[in-house]
Amino acid sequence: RAMMNSKDATLAAIAAKSEKESAYHLRHTSEWMIRLGDGTDESHRRAQTAIDDLWAFTGELFHADQSDAELISSGI
């Protein structure tokens, strides 16, 4: 959301479009997770295994590094 207020007009436009795209993908994947989780025992097991395998990587989504800090401080 903060990137939509970027001083850089191109980045702000990309961020606005990305927000719409993210909302769509969230709805779409949520529906599939419900279908798979509430489906057969096999589909539930496979969905859970996938989540378990990928969970270790989710922390990377929220880690800011020095480059991120510099962009944030400059308002980009």
N, C-alpha and C. Protein backbone atom coordinates (compact mmCIF):
# COMPACT_ATOMS: atom_id res chain seq x y z
N ARG A 1 0.80 -1.20 0.00
CA ARG A 1 0.00 0.00 0.00
C ARG A 1 0.85 1.26 0.00
N ALA A 2 1.91 1.25 0.77
CA ALA A 2 2.75 2.43 0.88
C ALA A 2 3.36 2.81 -0.47
N MET A 3 3.62 1.81 -1.30
CA MET A 3 4.23 2.10 -2.61
C MET A 3 3.29 2.87 -3.51
N MET A 4 1.99 2.80 -3.26
CA MET A 4 1.05 3.58 -4.07
C MET A 4 1.23 5.07 -3.83
N ASN A 5 1.90 5.44 -2.75
CA ASN A 5 2.18 6.84 -2.44
C ASN A 5 3.61 7.22 -2.78
N SER A 6 4.28 6.41 -3.57
CA SER A 6 5.66 6.65 -3.94
C SER A 6 5.80 7.97 -4.70
N LYS A 7 6.95 8.62 -4.53
CA LYS A 7 7.27 9.82 -5.29
C LYS A 7 7.43 9.49 -6.77
N ASP A 8 7.77 8.25 -7.05
CA ASP A 8 7.96 7.79 -8.43
C ASP A 8 6.60 7.38 -9.01
N ALA A 9 6.12 8.11 -10.00
CA ALA A 9 4.79 7.87 -10.56
C ALA A 9 4.65 6.48 -11.16
N THR A 10 5.71 5.98 -11.78
CA THR A 10 5.66 4.65 -12.38
C THR A 10 5.50 3.59 -11.30
N LEU A 11 6.29 3.70 -10.23
CA LEU A 11 6.17 2.73 -9.13
C LEU A 11 4.79 2.82 -8.47
N ALA A 12 4.27 4.02 -8.32
CA ALA A 12 2.94 4.19 -7.72
C ALA A 12 1.87 3.51 -8.58
N ALA A 13 1.97 3.65 -9.89
CA ALA A 13 1.00 3.02 -10.79
C ALA A 13 1.12 1.50 -10.76
N ILE A 14 2.34 1.00 -10.75
CA ILE A 14 2.55 -0.45 -10.67
C ILE A 14 2.01 -0.99 -9.35
N ALA A 15 2.23 -0.26 -8.28
CA ALA A 15 1.73 -0.69 -6.97
C ALA A 15 0.21 -0.73 -6.94
N ALA A 16 -0.44 0.24 -7.54
CA ALA A 16 -1.90 0.27 -7.57
C ALA A 16 -2.44 -0.92 -8.36
N LYS A 17 -1.83 -1.20 -9.50
CA LYS A 17 -2.26 -2.35 -10.29
C LYS A 17 -1.98 -3.65 -9.54
N SER A 18 -0.84 -3.72 -8.88
CA SER A 18 -0.47 -4.92 -8.12
C SER A 18 -1.45 -5.20 -7.00
N GLU A 19 -1.96 -4.15 -6.37
CA GLU A 19 -2.93 -4.35 -5.30
C GLU A 19 -4.20 -5.02 -5.84
N LYS A 20 -4.67 -4.57 -6.99
CA LYS A 20 -5.85 -5.19 -7.60
C LYS A 20 -5.57 -6.65 -7.97
N GLU A 21 -4.40 -6.89 -8.56
CA GLU A 21 -4.03 -8.25 -8.94
C GLU A 21 -3.92 -9.15 -7.70
N SER A 22 -3.33 -8.63 -6.65
CA SER A 22 -3.17 -9.42 -5.41
C SER A 22 -4.52 -9.79 -4.82
N ALA A 23 -5.46 -8.86 -4.84
CA ALA A 23 -6.80 -9.14 -4.32
C ALA A 23 -7.45 -10.27 -5.12
N TYR A 24 -7.31 -10.22 -6.44
CA TYR A 24 -7.86 -11.28 -7.29
C TYR A 24 -7.23 -12.63 -6.94
N HIS A 25 -5.91 -12.67 -6.85
CA HIS A 25 -5.22 -13.93 -6.59
C HIS A 25 -5.54 -14.46 -5.20
N LEU A 26 -5.71 -13.58 -4.24
CA LEU A 26 -6.10 -14.01 -2.90
C LEU A 26 -7.46 -14.70 -2.93
N ARG A 27 -8.42 -14.09 -3.63
CA ARG A 27 -9.75 -14.72 -3.74
C ARG A 27 -9.66 -16.08 -4.43
N HIS A 28 -8.93 -16.11 -5.53
CA HIS A 28 -8.83 -17.33 -6.33
C HIS A 28 -8.16 -18.46 -5.53
N THR A 29 -7.03 -18.17 -4.91
CA THR A 29 -6.33 -19.22 -4.17
C THR A 29 -7.09 -19.63 -2.91
N SER A 30 -7.78 -18.69 -2.30
CA SER A 30 -8.58 -19.04 -1.12
C SER A 30 -9.66 -20.06 -1.48
N GLU A 31 -10.29 -19.84 -2.61
CA GLU A 31 -11.32 -20.79 -3.06
C GLU A 31 -10.73 -22.18 -3.29
N TRP A 32 -9.55 -22.23 -3.90
CA TRP A 32 -8.92 -23.52 -4.15
C TRP A 32 -8.47 -24.20 -2.86
N MET A 33 -7.97 -23.43 -1.92
CA MET A 33 -7.55 -24.01 -0.64
C MET A 33 -8.75 -24.64 0.08
N ILE A 34 -9.89 -23.98 0.02
CA ILE A 34 -11.09 -24.54 0.63
C ILE A 34 -11.50 -25.82 -0.09
N ARG A 35 -11.50 -25.77 -1.43
CA ARG A 35 -11.86 -26.97 -2.20
C ARG A 35 -10.95 -28.16 -1.87
N LEU A 36 -9.65 -27.89 -1.86
CA LEU A 36 -8.70 -28.98 -1.61
C LEU A 36 -8.73 -29.44 -0.16
N GLY A 37 -8.82 -28.49 0.76
CA GLY A 37 -8.84 -28.85 2.17
C GLY A 37 -10.09 -29.58 2.60
N ASP A 38 -11.21 -29.23 1.99
CA ASP A 38 -12.49 -29.86 2.33
C ASP A 38 -12.85 -31.00 1.38
N GLY A 39 -11.96 -31.31 0.46
CA GLY A 39 -12.25 -32.37 -0.52
C GLY A 39 -12.00 -33.74 0.07
N THR A 40 -11.34 -34.55 -0.70
CA THR A 40 -11.05 -35.91 -0.25
C THR A 40 -9.93 -35.89 0.78
N ASP A 41 -9.76 -37.00 1.46
CA ASP A 41 -8.64 -37.10 2.40
C ASP A 41 -7.31 -36.90 1.69
N GLU A 42 -7.22 -37.42 0.47
CA GLU A 42 -5.99 -37.29 -0.31
C GLU A 42 -5.72 -35.83 -0.67
N SER A 43 -6.73 -35.09 -1.13
CA SER A 43 -6.52 -33.69 -1.50
C SER A 43 -6.16 -32.86 -0.27
N HIS A 44 -6.79 -33.16 0.85
CA HIS A 44 -6.46 -32.45 2.09
C HIS A 44 -5.01 -32.72 2.49
N ARG A 45 -4.60 -33.97 2.43
CA ARG A 45 -3.23 -34.33 2.80
C ARG A 45 -2.23 -33.63 1.90
N ARG A 46 -2.48 -33.62 0.62
CA ARG A 46 -1.55 -32.98 -0.32
C ARG A 46 -1.47 -31.47 -0.11
N ALA A 47 -2.61 -30.84 0.13
CA ALA A 47 -2.62 -29.40 0.38
C ALA A 47 -1.86 -29.09 1.66
N GLN A 48 -2.07 -29.87 2.70
CA GLN A 48 -1.38 -29.64 3.97
C GLN A 48 0.12 -29.86 3.83
N THR A 49 0.51 -30.87 3.08
CA THR A 49 1.93 -31.14 2.86
C THR A 49 2.59 -29.97 2.14
N ALA A 50 1.90 -29.43 1.15
CA ALA A 50 2.44 -28.29 0.41
C ALA A 50 2.62 -27.09 1.33
N ILE A 51 1.64 -26.83 2.17
CA ILE A 51 1.75 -25.72 3.11
C ILE A 51 2.90 -25.95 4.08
N ASP A 52 2.99 -27.14 4.60
CA ASP A 52 4.07 -27.46 5.53
C ASP A 52 5.44 -27.26 4.88
N ASP A 53 5.57 -27.68 3.62
CA ASP A 53 6.85 -27.57 2.91
C ASP A 53 7.23 -26.12 2.63
N LEU A 54 6.25 -25.28 2.34
CA LEU A 54 6.52 -23.90 1.95
C LEU A 54 6.56 -22.92 3.13
N TRP A 55 6.03 -23.34 4.26
CA TRP A 55 5.93 -22.44 5.41
C TRP A 55 7.28 -21.83 5.82
N ALA A 56 8.34 -22.60 5.71
CA ALA A 56 9.67 -22.13 6.13
C ALA A 56 10.11 -20.88 5.35
N PHE A 57 9.56 -20.67 4.17
CA PHE A 57 9.97 -19.56 3.33
C PHE A 57 9.15 -18.29 3.53
N THR A 58 8.08 -18.36 4.30
CA THR A 58 7.19 -17.20 4.41
C THR A 58 7.83 -16.03 5.13
N GLY A 59 8.77 -16.29 6.03
CA GLY A 59 9.43 -15.19 6.73
C GLY A 59 10.14 -14.24 5.78
N GLU A 60 10.63 -14.76 4.66
CA GLU A 60 11.33 -13.94 3.67
C GLU A 60 10.42 -12.86 3.09
N LEU A 61 9.12 -13.09 3.08
CA LEU A 61 8.19 -12.11 2.54
C LEU A 61 8.17 -10.83 3.36
N PHE A 62 8.52 -10.93 4.64
CA PHE A 62 8.39 -9.81 5.54
C PHE A 62 9.71 -9.25 6.03
N HIS A 63 10.81 -9.73 5.46
CA HIS A 63 12.14 -9.28 5.89
C HIS A 63 12.57 -8.10 5.00
N ALA A 64 12.85 -6.98 5.62
CA ALA A 64 13.35 -5.82 4.87
C ALA A 64 14.87 -5.77 5.00
N ASP A 65 15.55 -5.53 3.89
CA ASP A 65 17.01 -5.42 3.92
C ASP A 65 17.42 -3.96 3.76
N GLN A 66 18.71 -3.72 3.60
CA GLN A 66 19.22 -2.36 3.51
C GLN A 66 18.66 -1.64 2.29
N SER A 67 18.50 -2.33 1.19
CA SER A 67 17.94 -1.70 -0.02
C SER A 67 16.52 -1.21 0.24
N ASP A 68 15.73 -2.05 0.90
CA ASP A 68 14.36 -1.65 1.24
C ASP A 68 14.36 -0.42 2.14
N ALA A 69 15.23 -0.40 3.13
CA ALA A 69 15.31 0.72 4.06
C ALA A 69 15.65 2.01 3.32
N GLU A 70 16.58 1.94 2.38
CA GLU A 70 16.97 3.14 1.62
C GLU A 70 15.83 3.64 0.75
N LEU A 71 15.12 2.74 0.10
CA LEU A 71 13.98 3.16 -0.73
C LEU A 71 12.88 3.78 0.13
N ILE A 72 12.63 3.18 1.28
CA ILE A 72 11.60 3.70 2.18
C ILE A 72 11.97 5.09 2.68
N SER A 73 13.22 5.24 3.10
CA SER A 73 13.64 6.55 3.65
C SER A 73 13.63 7.65 2.61
N SER A 74 13.83 7.29 1.34
CA SER A 74 13.82 8.31 0.28
C SER A 74 12.42 8.53 -0.30
N GLY A 75 11.44 7.81 0.21
CA GLY A 75 10.06 8.00 -0.24
C GLY A 75 9.71 7.28 -1.53
N ILE A 76 10.60 6.44 -1.99
CA ILE A 76 10.35 5.71 -3.23
C ILE A 76 9.63 4.42 -2.91
